Every structure is written in C-alpha cells, then in structure tokens.
N, C-alpha and C. Protein backbone atom coordinates (compact mmCIF):
# COMPACT_ATOMS: atom_id res chain seq x y z
N MET A 1 0.89 -1.15 -0.08
CA MET A 1 0.39 0.14 0.13
C MET A 1 0.56 1.13 0.19
N ARG A 2 2.13 1.45 0.52
CA ARG A 2 2.79 1.94 0.50
C ARG A 2 3.36 2.59 -0.39
N GLY A 3 3.57 1.73 -1.30
CA GLY A 3 4.43 1.75 -2.59
C GLY A 3 3.03 2.36 -3.71
N ARG A 4 1.58 2.13 -3.45
CA ARG A 4 1.14 2.53 -4.39
C ARG A 4 0.53 4.09 -3.94
N ALA A 5 0.61 4.38 -2.89
CA ALA A 5 0.22 5.77 -2.60
C ALA A 5 1.79 7.07 -2.74
N ARG A 6 2.83 6.26 -2.93
CA ARG A 6 4.23 6.88 -3.29
C ARG A 6 4.10 7.22 -5.16
N ARG A 7 3.30 6.09 -5.89
CA ARG A 7 3.17 5.97 -7.08
C ARG A 7 1.80 7.24 -7.46
N ILE A 8 0.86 7.32 -6.70
CA ILE A 8 0.40 8.19 -6.97
C ILE A 8 1.03 9.25 -6.67
N ASP A 9 1.69 9.87 -5.28
CA ASP A 9 2.50 11.09 -5.45
C ASP A 9 2.86 11.20 -6.76
N GLN A 10 3.85 10.66 -7.33
CA GLN A 10 4.41 10.82 -8.65
C GLN A 10 3.87 11.20 -9.34
N MET A 11 2.52 10.32 -9.51
CA MET A 11 1.75 10.56 -10.65
C MET A 11 0.88 12.48 -10.76
N LYS A 12 0.95 12.35 -9.53
CA LYS A 12 0.23 13.46 -9.23
C LYS A 12 1.36 14.70 -9.90
N GLN A 13 2.51 14.38 -9.13
CA GLN A 13 3.76 15.73 -10.10
C GLN A 13 3.64 15.47 -11.03
N LEU A 14 3.90 14.45 -11.86
CA LEU A 14 3.71 14.32 -13.35
C LEU A 14 2.67 15.15 -13.97
N ALA A 15 0.86 15.16 -13.27
CA ALA A 15 0.50 15.52 -14.07
C ALA A 15 0.52 17.12 -13.69
N ALA A 16 1.12 17.42 -12.75
CA ALA A 16 1.10 19.07 -12.43
C ALA A 16 2.17 19.57 -13.53
N SER A 17 3.13 18.97 -13.51
CA SER A 17 4.25 19.27 -14.20
C SER A 17 3.99 19.57 -15.59
N ASP A 18 4.85 20.27 -16.45
CA ASP A 18 4.15 21.23 -18.09
C ASP A 18 5.42 20.03 -18.64
N GLY A 19 5.91 19.17 -18.46
CA GLY A 19 6.97 18.49 -19.57
C GLY A 19 6.34 18.62 -20.61
N PRO A 20 7.00 17.91 -21.41
CA PRO A 20 6.08 17.29 -22.79
C PRO A 20 5.58 15.60 -22.76
N TYR A 21 6.93 15.18 -21.31
CA TYR A 21 5.81 13.95 -21.36
C TYR A 21 4.97 13.69 -19.90
N ALA A 22 4.99 14.58 -19.86
CA ALA A 22 4.11 15.00 -18.10
C ALA A 22 2.74 13.77 -18.22
N ARG A 23 2.04 14.14 -19.65
CA ARG A 23 0.36 13.65 -19.88
C ARG A 23 0.72 11.70 -20.11
N THR A 24 1.78 11.34 -21.14
CA THR A 24 2.09 10.37 -21.57
C THR A 24 2.58 9.73 -19.91
N ASP A 25 3.56 10.03 -19.56
CA ASP A 25 3.86 9.26 -18.03
C ASP A 25 2.89 9.25 -17.06
N ALA A 26 2.02 10.19 -17.05
CA ALA A 26 0.55 9.80 -16.28
C ALA A 26 -0.32 8.76 -16.65
N ALA A 27 -0.27 8.66 -18.08
CA ALA A 27 -1.40 7.93 -18.09
C ALA A 27 -0.75 6.41 -18.19
N ALA A 28 0.56 6.22 -18.48
CA ALA A 28 1.73 5.10 -18.53
C ALA A 28 1.50 4.08 -16.81
N LEU A 29 1.24 5.25 -15.58
CA LEU A 29 1.29 4.50 -14.42
C LEU A 29 -0.01 4.61 -14.52
N LEU A 30 -1.06 5.21 -14.78
CA LEU A 30 -2.54 5.31 -14.58
C LEU A 30 -2.97 3.98 -15.47
N HIS A 31 -2.39 3.22 -16.15
CA HIS A 31 -2.43 2.26 -16.68
C HIS A 31 -1.99 1.35 -15.84
N ASP A 32 -0.98 1.39 -15.74
CA ASP A 32 -0.12 -0.02 -14.76
C ASP A 32 -0.74 -0.11 -13.26
N GLU A 33 -1.23 1.10 -12.94
CA GLU A 33 -2.30 0.92 -11.62
C GLU A 33 -3.21 0.03 -12.37
N ALA A 34 -4.37 -0.06 -13.10
CA ALA A 34 -5.41 -0.90 -13.53
C ALA A 34 -5.17 -2.37 -13.40
C-alpha cells in the first residue's frame, strides 16, 4: 500500500508538471495501476 501511495504522489507531480512527457507518463502510470 505504501508503494501505491508513493506512486500516486509521483503521478500527481507528473500531471502537475508542464513537461512534454507529463501527460504520457501519467497515463502510463494510470494504465500500470489498472
């Protein structure tokens, strides 16, 4: 559970960032979670 919470934090940071890969990285993390 701890790792999952950490992963969600990373996803939120990626989604908040303006990097060119932010959207795809967040989508990849979401897909990995599912």
